[in-house]
Protein backbone atom coordinates (compact mmCIF):
# COMPACT_ATOMS: atom_id res chain seq x y z
CA MET A 1 -125.24 -214.53 -182.51
CA SER A 2 -125.18 -211.76 -184.34
CA TYR A 3 -122.62 -208.92 -185.35
CA SER A 4 -122.86 -205.20 -185.91
CA GLY A 5 -120.55 -202.40 -187.58
CA SER A 6 -120.75 -199.29 -188.95
CA ALA A 7 -118.47 -196.13 -189.45
CA SER A 8 -120.13 -193.03 -190.78
CA VAL A 9 -118.82 -188.96 -191.44
CA ASN A 10 -121.72 -186.48 -190.50
CA HIS A 11 -122.30 -183.11 -191.77
CA ASP A 12 -125.56 -182.01 -190.89
CA ALA A 13 -127.50 -178.78 -190.63
CA SER A 14 -131.17 -178.58 -190.00
CA ALA A 15 -133.85 -175.84 -188.96
CA THR A 16 -137.67 -176.94 -188.43
CA VAL A 17 -140.17 -174.82 -187.05
CA THR A 18 -143.85 -175.76 -186.76
CA GLY A 19 -146.97 -174.06 -185.32
CA ASP A 20 -146.24 -174.66 -181.85
CA SER A 21 -142.36 -176.05 -182.11
CA VAL A 22 -139.30 -175.25 -182.80
CA ALA A 23 -135.77 -177.21 -183.36
CA ILE A 24 -132.15 -177.14 -184.56
CA ASN A 25 -129.68 -179.06 -185.18
CA TYR A 26 -125.49 -179.02 -186.28
CA GLU A 27 -123.68 -182.27 -186.73
CA ASN A 28 -119.92 -182.48 -187.84
CA THR A 29 -118.71 -186.07 -186.33
CA MET A 30 -116.84 -189.05 -187.25
CA THR A 31 -118.70 -192.58 -185.82
CA ALA A 32 -117.70 -196.30 -185.62
CA SER A 33 -118.63 -198.60 -183.71
CA ALA A 34 -118.85 -202.87 -183.71
CA GLY A 35 -120.34 -205.33 -181.44
CA ALA A 36 -122.12 -209.28 -181.48
CA ALA A 37 -125.03 -210.11 -179.51
CA VAL A 38 -126.68 -213.20 -178.25
CA GLY A 39 -130.52 -214.22 -176.78
CA ASN A 40 -133.59 -215.98 -176.86
CA ASP A 41 -137.16 -215.16 -176.26
CA TYR A 42 -136.08 -214.46 -172.68
CA ALA A 43 -132.74 -213.66 -171.96
CA SER A 44 -130.17 -211.51 -173.86
CA ILE A 45 -126.91 -210.22 -173.82
CA GLY A 46 -124.54 -208.00 -176.11
CA ILE A 47 -121.44 -205.93 -176.29
CA GLU A 48 -119.92 -203.08 -178.14
CA ALA A 49 -117.35 -200.95 -179.14
CA SER A 50 -117.29 -197.53 -180.42
CA VAL A 51 -115.57 -194.27 -180.75
CA LYS A 52 -116.94 -190.78 -181.89
CA THR A 53 -115.29 -187.60 -182.42
CA GLY A 54 -116.40 -184.21 -183.48
CA THR A 55 -119.02 -181.31 -182.79
CA GLU A 56 -122.43 -181.56 -181.74
CA ALA A 57 -125.34 -178.79 -181.01
CA SER A 58 -129.48 -178.63 -180.46
CA PHE A 59 -131.71 -176.73 -179.07
CA ALA A 60 -135.81 -177.59 -179.29
CA ALA A 61 -138.83 -175.87 -177.57
CA GLY A 62 -142.38 -175.68 -177.98
CA LEU A 63 -145.83 -176.97 -176.45
CA ASP A 64 -146.36 -180.73 -176.05
CA GLY A 65 -150.01 -180.40 -175.49
CA ASN A 66 -150.70 -178.51 -172.02
CA ASN A 67 -146.81 -178.73 -171.46
CA VAL A 68 -143.80 -176.24 -172.51
CA TYR A 69 -140.95 -177.38 -172.67
CA ALA A 70 -137.10 -176.56 -173.72
CA ALA A 71 -133.68 -178.56 -174.20
CA ALA A 72 -130.36 -177.12 -175.00
CA SER A 73 -126.89 -179.50 -175.85
CA TYR A 74 -123.72 -178.97 -176.94
CA SER A 75 -120.92 -181.82 -177.30
CA ASP A 76 -117.19 -181.28 -178.81
CA THR A 77 -115.48 -184.59 -177.69
CA THR A 78 -113.25 -187.20 -178.83
CA GLU A 79 -114.45 -190.74 -176.74
CA ALA A 80 -114.48 -194.30 -177.05
CA HIS A 81 -116.67 -196.90 -175.26
CA VAL A 82 -117.13 -200.29 -174.46
CA ALA A 83 -120.56 -201.14 -173.61
CA VAL A 84 -122.05 -204.72 -172.29
CA GLU A 85 -126.15 -205.01 -171.78
CA GLY A 86 -127.71 -208.25 -170.84
CA GLU A 87 -131.67 -208.50 -169.68
CA ALA A 88 -133.31 -211.41 -169.17
CA GLY A 89 -137.58 -211.37 -168.19
CA TYR A 90 -140.84 -213.75 -168.67
CA ALA A 91 -144.16 -212.87 -168.12
CA GLY A 92 -143.79 -209.26 -167.38
CA VAL A 93 -141.13 -209.54 -164.77
CA GLY A 94 -137.74 -209.17 -165.22
CA ALA A 95 -134.10 -207.43 -164.70
CA ALA A 96 -131.69 -205.43 -167.01
CA VAL A 97 -127.97 -204.38 -166.51
CA GLY A 98 -125.66 -202.32 -168.43
CA ILE A 99 -121.93 -201.95 -167.80
CA ASP A 100 -120.50 -198.52 -169.96
CA ALA A 101 -116.33 -198.24 -169.81
CA TYR A 102 -115.55 -195.08 -171.49
CA ALA A 103 -112.61 -192.96 -172.00
CA LYS A 104 -113.29 -189.01 -173.29
CA SER A 105 -111.74 -185.80 -173.86
CA GLY A 106 -113.21 -182.14 -174.67
CA THR A 107 -116.21 -180.22 -173.68
CA GLU A 108 -119.98 -181.39 -172.99
CA ALA A 109 -123.33 -179.07 -171.71
CA GLU A 110 -127.30 -180.14 -171.36
CA VAL A 111 -129.79 -178.49 -169.81
CA HIS A 112 -133.40 -179.27 -169.94
CA LEU A 113 -136.98 -178.07 -168.78
CA SER A 114 -140.42 -179.62 -169.24
CA VAL A 115 -143.37 -177.95 -167.08
CA GLY A 116 -147.23 -178.58 -167.78
CA ASP A 117 -150.37 -181.16 -166.24
CA LYS A 118 -147.75 -184.31 -166.97
CA GLY A 119 -146.10 -182.73 -164.06
CA ILE A 120 -142.08 -181.25 -164.30
CA ASP A 121 -138.45 -182.40 -165.73
CA ALA A 122 -135.46 -180.52 -165.13
CA GLY A 123 -132.15 -180.87 -164.78
CA ALA A 124 -128.67 -179.64 -166.28
CA SER A 125 -125.25 -180.89 -166.27
CA ALA A 126 -121.73 -179.89 -167.86
CA SER A 127 -117.93 -181.46 -168.49
CA ILE A 128 -114.75 -180.56 -169.40
CA GLY A 129 -111.40 -181.77 -169.64
CA ASN A 130 -109.63 -185.87 -170.20
CA ALA A 131 -111.64 -188.47 -168.12
CA VAL A 132 -111.83 -192.28 -167.92
CA GLY A 133 -114.92 -193.71 -166.11
CA VAL A 134 -117.38 -196.90 -165.49
CA ASP A 135 -121.21 -196.15 -165.47
CA ALA A 136 -123.90 -199.06 -164.22
CA GLU A 137 -127.05 -199.16 -164.65
CA GLY A 138 -129.92 -201.94 -163.46
CA THR A 139 -133.55 -201.68 -164.19
CA VAL A 140 -135.75 -204.09 -162.09
CA LYS A 141 -139.30 -204.69 -163.83
CA LEU A 142 -142.46 -205.49 -162.48
CA ARG A 143 -145.96 -205.79 -164.10
CA GLU A 144 -147.29 -202.74 -161.97
CA ALA A 145 -143.75 -200.88 -161.78
CA SER A 146 -140.04 -200.50 -162.62
CA MET A 147 -137.29 -199.07 -160.38
CA THR A 148 -133.40 -197.80 -162.21
CA GLY A 149 -130.76 -197.49 -160.40
CA GLY A 150 -127.25 -195.59 -161.89
CA ALA A 151 -124.06 -195.45 -160.35
CA GLY A 152 -120.65 -193.78 -162.12
CA VAL A 153 -117.11 -193.27 -161.08
CA SER A 154 -114.51 -191.06 -163.36
CA ILE A 155 -111.22 -190.31 -163.06
CA GLY A 156 -109.21 -187.50 -164.67
CA GLU A 157 -108.44 -183.95 -165.32
CA HIS A 158 -112.01 -182.63 -165.29
CA LEU A 159 -114.41 -180.87 -164.12
CA GLU A 160 -118.23 -182.11 -164.31
CA ALA A 161 -121.24 -181.21 -161.89
CA GLY A 162 -125.30 -181.79 -163.17
CA GLY A 163 -128.14 -182.93 -161.49
CA SER A 164 -131.77 -183.47 -162.59
CA ALA A 165 -135.13 -184.36 -160.90
CA THR A 166 -138.36 -185.10 -162.40
CA ALA A 167 -142.16 -185.97 -161.62
CA THR A 168 -144.42 -186.56 -164.22
CA PHE A 169 -147.20 -188.64 -164.92
CA ASP A 170 -148.03 -189.69 -168.10
CA HIS A 171 -150.70 -192.20 -169.70
CA GLY A 172 -151.74 -194.04 -166.62
CA LYS A 173 -147.81 -194.07 -165.46
CA ALA A 174 -146.06 -192.21 -162.70
CA THR A 175 -142.52 -191.26 -162.84
CA VAL A 176 -140.32 -189.92 -159.86
CA GLY A 177 -136.49 -189.70 -159.98
CA VAL A 178 -133.28 -188.02 -159.23
CA SER A 179 -129.88 -187.58 -160.60
CA GLY A 180 -126.81 -185.99 -159.36
CA GLU A 181 -122.81 -185.59 -160.15
CA VAL A 182 -119.97 -183.97 -159.67
CA ALA A 183 -116.49 -184.52 -160.40
CA ALA A 184 -112.77 -182.94 -160.15
CA LEU A 185 -110.09 -185.16 -160.99
CA ILE A 186 -112.18 -187.85 -159.00
CA GLY A 187 -116.04 -188.13 -159.37
CA VAL A 188 -119.03 -190.10 -158.06
CA GLU A 189 -122.60 -189.90 -160.22
CA ALA A 190 -125.19 -192.00 -159.00
CA ASP A 191 -129.44 -191.80 -159.95
CA VAL A 192 -132.42 -193.53 -159.40
CA SER A 193 -136.00 -193.66 -161.23
CA VAL A 194 -139.61 -195.42 -160.25
CA THR A 195 -141.99 -195.67 -162.41
CA VAL A 196 -145.87 -197.34 -161.50
CA ASN A 197 -147.57 -198.27 -164.42
CA THR A 198 -151.34 -197.28 -162.41
CA GLN A 199 -153.09 -198.65 -165.34
CA GLN A 200 -151.46 -201.68 -164.79
CA ILE A 201 -152.62 -201.88 -161.31
CA THR A 202 -156.21 -200.89 -162.18
CA LYS A 203 -156.45 -203.64 -164.33
CA ASP A 204 -154.62 -206.35 -162.04
CA ALA A 205 -157.22 -204.96 -159.54
CA ASN A 206 -160.20 -205.33 -162.07
CA THR A 207 -159.16 -208.93 -162.72
CA VAL A 208 -159.29 -210.23 -158.85
CA VAL A 209 -162.69 -208.22 -158.43
CA ASN A 210 -164.25 -210.24 -161.46
CA THR A 211 -162.72 -213.28 -160.16
CA VAL A 212 -163.87 -212.67 -156.71
CA VAL A 213 -167.49 -212.04 -157.96
CA ALA A 214 -167.31 -214.93 -159.82
CA ASN A 215 -166.35 -217.35 -157.31
CA GLU A 216 -169.30 -215.63 -155.24
CA LYS A 217 -171.44 -216.51 -158.19
CA LYS A 218 -170.55 -220.02 -158.80
CA ALA A 219 -170.99 -220.32 -154.36
CA GLU A 220 -174.36 -219.15 -154.58
CA ASN A 221 -175.46 -221.19 -157.34
CA VAL A 222 -173.83 -224.26 -155.60
CA ILE A 223 -175.80 -223.41 -152.18
CA VAL A 224 -179.01 -222.64 -154.00
CA ASP A 225 -178.91 -225.82 -155.73
CA THR A 226 -177.60 -228.13 -152.56
CA GLY A 227 -180.47 -226.22 -150.86
CA LYS A 228 -182.82 -227.59 -153.59
CA LYS A 229 -181.22 -230.98 -153.70
CA VAL A 230 -182.16 -230.84 -149.48
CA GLU A 231 -185.13 -229.96 -150.01
CA LYS A 232 -186.44 -232.57 -152.45
CA GLY A 233 -184.77 -234.92 -150.24
CA ALA A 234 -186.80 -233.92 -147.02
CA LYS A 235 -189.97 -234.01 -149.02
CA ASP A 236 -189.42 -237.85 -150.58
CA THR A 237 -188.29 -238.71 -147.00
CA CYS A 238 -191.55 -237.07 -145.76
CA ASN A 239 -193.99 -239.21 -148.84
CA LYS A 240 -191.77 -241.91 -147.54
CA ILE A 241 -192.71 -241.89 -143.43
CA GLY A 242 -196.46 -241.11 -144.57
CA LYS A 243 -196.79 -243.86 -147.05
CA ALA A 244 -195.28 -246.46 -144.60
CA PHE A 245 -197.96 -245.04 -142.09
CA LYS A 246 -201.05 -245.74 -144.41
CA LYS A 247 -200.00 -249.25 -144.64
CA ILE A 248 -199.76 -249.87 -140.96
CA LYS A 249 -203.83 -251.04 -139.62
CA LEU A 250 -204.40 -250.53 -136.18
């Protein structure tokens, strides 16, 4: 079992400009967390408690290859979280689950957009007020694909709304996802995302084809060898019969 803990006071402001992007960040927060985790090569589980208060803001925009992106966020909250995460898997197949119970007070807003040859990813959300709630998320992973589903519920004097959609194709992985939330005193949130690894599908298909071809070659060799043995056996038998007739005196 391993343990972790941290506490920090963060005062930072930065701006970065390159030939194809710009990023601005501001942070004035205090955070603290403590957690524990246990696991092995096939399964693990961990729990962490954290608190945060303060203000954060960020903006970024630019080009990523042939994709245009922009994102902005603002948060001025005081919040506490208790999160539990567990996962298990073997040989590329597994599952993961995460649960986050929280209490939050303040204002948050976020918007993002990405458009280009990789697809479209867009969304926005905003919340204001006081709330307590629980979010849960689960992921099923296969060699060729993964699917993530999540849901949450919150209650309190708050207003919250948002939604997003994504349809992207990047490095052989196709992802389609939707999410949405609406809250006024009692809120419900749900989201689903599916990612298909076409490279793994192609790899597995090639493995199957190569195996079939190899087995066909083996079968062909066996048939040829068997034919040669049958031919040799027939010749030997004919020779023996011929010699036997020669020995017979009429």
